[in-house]
Amino acid sequence: MLIFFVGMSGVFVGAIITIVSIGLRASFEERKEYRRRDLEHFVKEIESLNLLNKKINEILQKRDIYIDKTVHFLSVDDCYISIDDFIYLESFSAQNNFYLPTYLIDVFFQKIIHRKVIITPDEVASIGGNTYKGGRVILENFSEELLSIIEDKKRQMKRLTNQPIYYFSRK
């Protein structure tokens, strides 16, 4: 009878050790998966911000192309944004709303729309876009803010990558 109890206690101790080790391994895998999803989210945020910044820089470079058209740039700070580019910016920000800083995008669109130069619809159709008085400064500041956010996200991602994963929770 003593051998039976000793054997059963060994089975129970082994079962408890197995259950604890499986629980620790499952929690470790869960933390690892959570970190992988966080890193993927950071990568998608950085990619979205880079694409938006690239489009902003393309818009800033178009001044030389459209300077000969009927758009009269009154100063160096004026900016031309074609209808296609403006629609692209709005649709891109709507599609990537989860990855972009919403407040920053909303403030950008509010600032740029208030700078729109009023011209006749015929002129808008003929040149294919609008001129924004002082829009170049707004676009450049927006691009700089995007670059600073990208650098911040990269630092956060690097910090998260270098942070070790433990079997036991350390918070």
Protein backbone atom coordinates (compact mmCIF):
# COMPACT_ATOMS: atom_id res chain seq x y z
CA MET A 1 0.00 0.00 0.00
CA LEU A 2 2.86 2.38 0.77
CA ILE A 3 4.34 1.74 -2.66
CA PHE A 4 0.97 2.59 -4.25
CA PHE A 5 0.79 5.97 -2.43
CA VAL A 6 4.40 6.79 -3.25
CA GLY A 7 3.78 5.90 -6.91
CA MET A 8 0.56 7.94 -7.06
CA SER A 9 2.21 10.92 -5.38
CA GLY A 10 4.98 10.74 -8.02
CA VAL A 11 2.35 10.69 -10.77
CA PHE A 12 0.60 13.72 -9.22
CA VAL A 13 3.86 15.64 -8.80
CA GLY A 14 4.78 14.84 -12.41
CA ALA A 15 1.34 15.95 -13.59
CA ILE A 16 1.61 19.22 -11.65
CA ILE A 17 5.09 19.90 -13.07
CA THR A 18 3.82 19.16 -16.58
CA ILE A 19 0.78 21.43 -16.19
CA VAL A 20 2.92 24.29 -14.83
CA SER A 21 5.50 23.92 -17.60
CA ILE A 22 2.81 23.82 -20.30
CA GLY A 23 1.19 26.94 -18.78
CA LEU A 24 4.55 28.76 -18.69
CA ARG A 25 5.31 27.78 -22.27
CA ALA A 26 1.86 28.88 -23.45
CA SER A 27 2.20 32.27 -21.73
CA PHE A 28 5.69 32.67 -23.23
CA GLU A 29 4.35 31.93 -26.73
CA GLU A 30 1.48 34.36 -26.15
CA ARG A 31 3.90 37.15 -25.17
CA LYS A 32 6.05 36.32 -28.17
CA GLU A 33 3.04 36.50 -30.52
CA TYR A 34 1.90 39.76 -28.91
CA ARG A 35 5.35 41.28 -29.52
CA ARG A 36 5.35 40.06 -33.13
CA ARG A 37 1.97 41.72 -33.72
CA ASP A 38 3.22 44.95 -32.12
CA LEU A 39 6.29 44.93 -34.35
CA GLU A 40 4.15 44.32 -37.44
CA HIS A 41 1.93 47.23 -36.41
CA PHE A 42 4.98 49.49 -36.06
CA VAL A 43 6.23 48.42 -39.50
CA LYS A 44 2.85 49.16 -41.10
CA GLU A 45 2.69 52.55 -39.36
CA ILE A 46 6.17 53.44 -40.58
CA GLU A 47 5.36 52.29 -44.13
CA SER A 48 2.15 54.34 -44.18
CA LEU A 49 3.91 57.43 -42.87
CA ASN A 50 6.71 57.01 -45.42
CA LEU A 51 4.24 56.69 -48.31
CA LEU A 52 2.37 59.80 -47.17
CA ASN A 53 5.62 61.73 -46.79
CA LYS A 54 6.72 60.59 -50.25
CA LYS A 55 3.47 61.89 -51.78
CA ILE A 56 3.82 65.21 -49.93
CA ASN A 57 7.36 65.59 -51.30
CA GLU A 58 6.11 64.78 -54.82
CA ILE A 59 3.51 67.53 -54.49
CA LEU A 60 6.20 69.96 -53.34
CA GLN A 61 8.35 69.12 -56.37
CA LYS A 62 5.53 69.81 -58.87
CA ARG A 63 5.94 73.58 -58.66
CA ASP A 64 8.41 73.62 -61.54
CA ILE A 65 6.08 71.62 -63.78
CA TYR A 66 3.04 73.87 -63.42
CA ILE A 67 4.71 77.27 -63.16
CA ASP A 68 4.08 77.96 -66.87
CA LYS A 69 0.34 77.31 -66.67
CA THR A 70 -2.25 79.94 -65.86
CA VAL A 71 -1.64 79.52 -62.13
CA HIS A 72 -0.24 82.77 -60.88
CA PHE A 73 2.04 82.09 -57.95
CA LEU A 74 1.97 85.26 -55.98
CA SER A 75 4.84 84.26 -53.75
CA VAL A 76 7.36 81.51 -53.20
CA ASP A 77 5.20 80.09 -50.40
CA ASP A 78 2.27 79.28 -52.70
CA CYS A 79 1.73 75.66 -53.63
CA TYR A 80 -0.09 73.85 -56.43
CA ILE A 81 -1.95 70.63 -55.62
CA SER A 82 -3.69 68.85 -58.47
CA ILE A 83 -7.18 67.47 -57.94
CA ASP A 84 -5.84 63.93 -58.32
CA ASP A 85 -3.17 64.49 -55.67
CA PHE A 86 -5.62 66.03 -53.24
CA ILE A 87 -8.06 63.13 -53.71
CA TYR A 88 -5.17 60.71 -53.27
CA LEU A 89 -4.19 62.36 -49.98
CA GLU A 90 -7.75 62.21 -48.69
CA SER A 91 -8.33 58.61 -49.74
CA PHE A 92 -4.92 57.49 -48.45
CA SER A 93 -5.58 59.06 -45.08
CA ALA A 94 -9.03 57.45 -44.97
CA GLN A 95 -7.76 54.01 -45.95
CA ASN A 96 -4.83 54.08 -43.54
CA ASN A 97 -6.68 55.79 -40.71
CA PHE A 98 -5.63 53.08 -38.26
CA TYR A 99 -1.90 53.63 -38.92
CA LEU A 100 -1.78 57.41 -39.27
CA PRO A 101 -1.98 60.02 -36.51
CA THR A 102 -5.58 61.18 -36.97
CA TYR A 103 -5.24 64.53 -35.21
CA LEU A 104 -2.22 65.51 -37.29
CA ILE A 105 -3.98 64.58 -40.55
CA ASP A 106 -7.14 66.49 -39.59
CA VAL A 107 -5.18 69.61 -38.65
CA PHE A 108 -3.24 69.39 -41.93
CA PHE A 109 -6.41 69.24 -44.04
CA GLN A 110 -8.00 72.09 -42.07
CA LYS A 111 -4.94 74.28 -42.54
CA ILE A 112 -4.50 73.54 -46.23
CA ILE A 113 -8.17 73.99 -47.14
CA HIS A 114 -8.21 77.43 -45.51
CA ARG A 115 -5.35 78.47 -47.80
CA LYS A 116 -7.14 77.65 -51.08
CA VAL A 117 -7.02 80.44 -53.66
CA ILE A 118 -10.45 81.10 -55.13
CA ILE A 119 -10.44 80.87 -58.91
CA THR A 120 -13.17 80.16 -61.41
CA PRO A 121 -14.21 76.55 -62.05
CA ASP A 122 -13.04 76.91 -65.65
CA GLU A 123 -9.53 77.78 -64.48
CA VAL A 124 -9.58 74.88 -62.01
CA ALA A 125 -10.60 72.51 -64.80
CA SER A 126 -8.03 73.88 -67.21
CA ILE A 127 -5.10 73.57 -64.82
CA GLY A 128 -6.43 70.46 -63.06
CA GLY A 129 -5.98 71.65 -59.51
CA ASN A 130 -5.88 74.46 -57.01
CA THR A 131 -3.33 76.87 -55.72
CA TYR A 132 -2.92 77.23 -51.97
CA LYS A 133 -1.59 80.53 -50.67
CA GLY A 134 1.17 79.73 -48.20
CA GLY A 135 0.61 76.02 -48.77
CA ARG A 136 4.27 75.23 -49.33
CA VAL A 137 5.11 76.06 -45.71
CA ILE A 138 2.23 73.93 -44.46
CA LEU A 139 3.32 70.98 -46.62
CA GLU A 140 6.95 71.33 -45.54
CA ASN A 141 5.98 71.50 -41.85
CA PHE A 142 3.70 68.50 -42.29
CA SER A 143 6.53 66.57 -43.94
CA GLU A 144 8.88 67.45 -41.06
CA GLU A 145 6.28 66.32 -38.51
CA LEU A 146 5.87 63.05 -40.40
CA LEU A 147 9.63 62.51 -40.39
CA SER A 148 9.84 63.14 -36.65
CA ILE A 149 6.98 60.68 -36.04
CA ILE A 150 8.74 58.10 -38.23
CA GLU A 151 11.95 58.47 -36.23
CA ASP A 152 10.01 58.16 -32.98
CA LYS A 153 8.28 54.99 -34.22
CA LYS A 154 11.63 53.54 -35.26
CA ARG A 155 13.06 54.19 -31.78
CA GLN A 156 10.01 52.57 -30.16
CA MET A 157 10.31 49.58 -32.47
CA LYS A 158 14.01 49.18 -31.72
CA ARG A 159 13.34 49.40 -27.99
CA LEU A 160 10.58 46.77 -28.27
CA THR A 161 12.83 44.51 -30.36
CA ASN A 162 15.67 44.67 -27.83
CA GLN A 163 13.40 44.03 -24.86
CA PRO A 164 13.72 40.40 -23.69
CA ILE A 165 10.73 38.08 -23.31
CA TYR A 166 10.51 36.29 -19.96
CA TYR A 167 8.76 33.11 -18.94
CA PHE A 168 7.50 34.86 -15.84
CA SER A 169 5.71 38.16 -16.25
CA ARG A 170 7.85 41.23 -15.45
CA LYS A 171 5.87 44.45 -15.59
